[in-house]
N, C-alpha and C. Protein backbone atom coordinates (compact mmCIF):
# COMPACT_ATOMS: atom_id res chain seq x y z
N UNK A 1 0.86 -1.18 0.01
CA UNK A 1 -0.01 -0.01 0.00
C UNK A 1 0.90 1.23 0.00
N UNK A 2 0.54 2.21 -0.80
CA UNK A 2 1.28 3.43 -0.89
C UNK A 2 0.51 4.56 -0.26
N UNK A 3 1.22 5.51 0.35
CA UNK A 3 0.59 6.66 1.03
C UNK A 3 1.20 7.94 0.51
N UNK A 4 0.35 8.95 0.37
CA UNK A 4 0.78 10.25 -0.14
C UNK A 4 0.29 11.34 0.83
N UNK A 5 1.18 12.23 1.24
CA UNK A 5 0.81 13.34 2.10
C UNK A 5 0.50 14.59 1.28
N UNK A 6 -0.65 15.20 1.53
CA UNK A 6 -1.09 16.33 0.73
C UNK A 6 -1.40 17.51 1.69
N UNK A 7 -0.98 18.74 1.35
CA UNK A 7 -1.33 19.89 2.20
C UNK A 7 -2.86 20.12 2.17
N UNK A 8 -3.39 20.56 3.27
CA UNK A 8 -4.83 20.84 3.38
C UNK A 8 -5.33 21.80 2.30
N UNK A 9 -4.52 22.78 1.90
CA UNK A 9 -4.95 23.80 0.96
C UNK A 9 -5.20 23.20 -0.45
N UNK A 10 -4.67 21.97 -0.68
CA UNK A 10 -4.86 21.29 -1.96
C UNK A 10 -5.84 20.14 -1.89
N UNK A 11 -6.53 20.03 -0.76
CA UNK A 11 -7.41 18.89 -0.51
C UNK A 11 -8.53 18.80 -1.54
N UNK A 12 -9.25 19.89 -1.76
CA UNK A 12 -10.40 19.88 -2.65
C UNK A 12 -9.99 19.50 -4.08
N UNK A 13 -8.93 20.08 -4.59
CA UNK A 13 -8.46 19.75 -5.93
C UNK A 13 -8.04 18.30 -6.06
N UNK A 14 -7.31 17.82 -5.05
CA UNK A 14 -6.81 16.44 -5.09
C UNK A 14 -7.95 15.44 -5.05
N UNK A 15 -8.85 15.60 -4.10
CA UNK A 15 -9.96 14.68 -3.96
C UNK A 15 -10.89 14.75 -5.17
N UNK A 16 -11.07 15.91 -5.73
CA UNK A 16 -11.88 16.06 -6.91
C UNK A 16 -11.30 15.28 -8.08
N UNK A 17 -10.00 15.36 -8.28
CA UNK A 17 -9.38 14.63 -9.34
C UNK A 17 -9.47 13.11 -9.16
N UNK A 18 -9.18 12.68 -7.95
CA UNK A 18 -9.20 11.24 -7.68
C UNK A 18 -10.62 10.64 -7.83
N UNK A 19 -11.63 11.37 -7.37
CA UNK A 19 -13.00 10.89 -7.54
C UNK A 19 -13.43 10.92 -9.01
N UNK A 20 -13.00 11.94 -9.72
CA UNK A 20 -13.36 12.04 -11.15
C UNK A 20 -12.76 10.88 -11.95
N UNK A 21 -11.57 10.43 -11.56
CA UNK A 21 -10.89 9.36 -12.25
C UNK A 21 -11.25 7.96 -11.68
N UNK A 22 -12.13 7.92 -10.69
CA UNK A 22 -12.62 6.66 -10.07
C UNK A 22 -11.44 5.85 -9.51
N UNK A 23 -10.52 6.55 -8.85
CA UNK A 23 -9.36 5.90 -8.24
C UNK A 23 -9.71 5.57 -6.78
N UNK A 24 -9.46 4.32 -6.39
CA UNK A 24 -9.77 3.87 -5.05
C UNK A 24 -8.69 4.40 -4.07
N UNK A 25 -9.13 5.09 -2.99
CA UNK A 25 -8.20 5.64 -2.02
C UNK A 25 -8.92 5.72 -0.68
N UNK A 26 -8.09 5.86 0.34
CA UNK A 26 -8.57 6.07 1.73
C UNK A 26 -7.98 7.36 2.25
N UNK A 27 -8.80 8.17 2.84
CA UNK A 27 -8.33 9.46 3.40
C UNK A 27 -8.08 9.32 4.90
N UNK A 28 -6.94 9.72 5.36
CA UNK A 28 -6.58 9.61 6.78
C UNK A 28 -6.03 10.94 7.27
N UNK A 29 -6.36 11.28 8.52
CA UNK A 29 -5.80 12.53 9.07
C UNK A 29 -4.31 12.36 9.30
N UNK A 30 -3.60 13.45 9.20
CA UNK A 30 -2.14 13.47 9.42
C UNK A 30 -1.77 14.61 10.36
N UNK A 31 -0.54 15.00 10.34
CA UNK A 31 -0.13 16.11 11.21
C UNK A 31 -0.85 17.39 10.76
N UNK A 32 -0.83 18.41 11.57
CA UNK A 32 -1.56 19.63 11.32
C UNK A 32 -1.19 20.23 9.97
N UNK A 33 -2.23 20.54 9.21
CA UNK A 33 -2.01 21.18 7.88
C UNK A 33 -1.89 20.19 6.72
N UNK A 34 -1.96 18.88 7.03
CA UNK A 34 -1.82 17.87 5.99
C UNK A 34 -2.86 16.77 6.18
N UNK A 35 -3.10 16.00 5.12
CA UNK A 35 -3.86 14.79 5.22
C UNK A 35 -3.18 13.72 4.37
N UNK A 36 -3.39 12.47 4.71
CA UNK A 36 -2.79 11.34 3.99
C UNK A 36 -3.80 10.64 3.13
N UNK A 37 -3.34 10.25 1.99
CA UNK A 37 -4.13 9.41 1.08
C UNK A 37 -3.43 8.07 0.93
N UNK A 38 -4.16 7.01 1.20
CA UNK A 38 -3.61 5.65 1.04
C UNK A 38 -4.28 5.01 -0.16
N UNK A 39 -3.48 4.26 -0.89
CA UNK A 39 -3.99 3.58 -2.10
C UNK A 39 -3.83 2.06 -1.90
N UNK A 40 -4.83 1.38 -1.33
CA UNK A 40 -4.70 -0.05 -1.06
C UNK A 40 -4.70 -0.86 -2.32
N UNK A 41 -3.83 -1.84 -2.38
CA UNK A 41 -3.79 -2.77 -3.50
C UNK A 41 -3.24 -2.19 -4.81
N UNK A 42 -2.62 -1.02 -4.75
CA UNK A 42 -2.12 -0.40 -5.96
C UNK A 42 -0.66 -0.75 -6.17
N UNK A 43 -0.27 -1.01 -7.44
CA UNK A 43 1.12 -1.31 -7.67
C UNK A 43 1.95 -0.02 -7.86
N UNK A 44 3.25 -0.12 -7.89
CA UNK A 44 4.13 1.03 -7.93
C UNK A 44 3.95 1.87 -9.17
N UNK A 45 3.80 1.25 -10.31
CA UNK A 45 3.64 2.01 -11.56
C UNK A 45 2.35 2.84 -11.56
N UNK A 46 1.27 2.27 -11.12
CA UNK A 46 0.02 3.02 -11.04
C UNK A 46 0.14 4.18 -10.04
N UNK A 47 0.79 3.94 -8.92
CA UNK A 47 0.97 5.01 -7.94
C UNK A 47 1.82 6.15 -8.52
N UNK A 48 2.87 5.82 -9.22
CA UNK A 48 3.71 6.86 -9.84
C UNK A 48 2.91 7.68 -10.85
N UNK A 49 2.06 7.03 -11.62
CA UNK A 49 1.22 7.76 -12.60
C UNK A 49 0.30 8.75 -11.89
N UNK A 50 -0.31 8.29 -10.80
CA UNK A 50 -1.21 9.18 -10.04
C UNK A 50 -0.48 10.36 -9.50
N UNK A 51 0.70 10.15 -8.92
CA UNK A 51 1.50 11.24 -8.36
C UNK A 51 1.86 12.25 -9.48
N UNK A 52 2.25 11.76 -10.63
CA UNK A 52 2.60 12.68 -11.74
C UNK A 52 1.36 13.47 -12.18
N UNK A 53 0.22 12.81 -12.29
CA UNK A 53 -1.00 13.52 -12.71
C UNK A 53 -1.42 14.58 -11.70
N UNK A 54 -1.28 14.22 -10.42
CA UNK A 54 -1.64 15.19 -9.37
C UNK A 54 -0.72 16.42 -9.44
N UNK A 55 0.58 16.17 -9.65
CA UNK A 55 1.50 17.30 -9.78
C UNK A 55 1.11 18.20 -10.96
N UNK A 56 0.75 17.58 -12.08
CA UNK A 56 0.33 18.34 -13.26
C UNK A 56 -0.93 19.14 -12.97
N UNK A 57 -1.89 18.53 -12.34
CA UNK A 57 -3.17 19.19 -12.04
C UNK A 57 -2.95 20.39 -11.14
N UNK A 58 -2.15 20.20 -10.11
CA UNK A 58 -1.90 21.29 -9.15
C UNK A 58 -1.12 22.40 -9.81
N UNK A 59 -0.11 22.08 -10.58
CA UNK A 59 0.67 23.13 -11.26
C UNK A 59 -0.16 23.93 -12.24
N UNK A 60 -1.04 23.25 -12.95
CA UNK A 60 -1.94 24.00 -13.88
C UNK A 60 -2.82 24.96 -13.16
N UNK A 61 -3.39 24.55 -12.05
CA UNK A 61 -4.30 25.41 -11.27
C UNK A 61 -3.52 26.59 -10.73
N UNK A 62 -2.32 26.35 -10.21
CA UNK A 62 -1.51 27.41 -9.65
C UNK A 62 -1.11 28.40 -10.72
N UNK A 63 -0.72 27.90 -11.88
CA UNK A 63 -0.31 28.77 -12.99
C UNK A 63 -1.49 29.66 -13.43
N UNK A 64 -2.69 29.11 -13.51
CA UNK A 64 -3.85 29.87 -13.94
C UNK A 64 -4.13 30.99 -12.93
N UNK A 65 -3.98 30.73 -11.66
CA UNK A 65 -4.22 31.74 -10.64
C UNK A 65 -3.18 32.82 -10.71
N UNK A 66 -1.92 32.48 -10.92
CA UNK A 66 -0.88 33.48 -10.95
C UNK A 66 -0.88 34.30 -12.22
N UNK A 67 -1.37 33.75 -13.33
CA UNK A 67 -1.40 34.47 -14.59
C UNK A 67 -2.58 35.43 -14.65
N UNK A 68 -3.58 35.20 -13.87
CA UNK A 68 -4.77 36.03 -13.94
C UNK A 68 -4.59 37.42 -13.41
């Protein structure tokens, strides 16, 4: 099982993307300002793809906000 720590300020974007793509995950509380996402039964390649897609999604949103 792989786990990913996400800042709270990106929670809505992250969860929206994962739900839109029908990716199975578990949300767990973490230290203050963060939350953990666990991906049960996922292999390493699939996890790497998700991480890369999330990075792209977050960067696009941030770029749109800064360019406006």
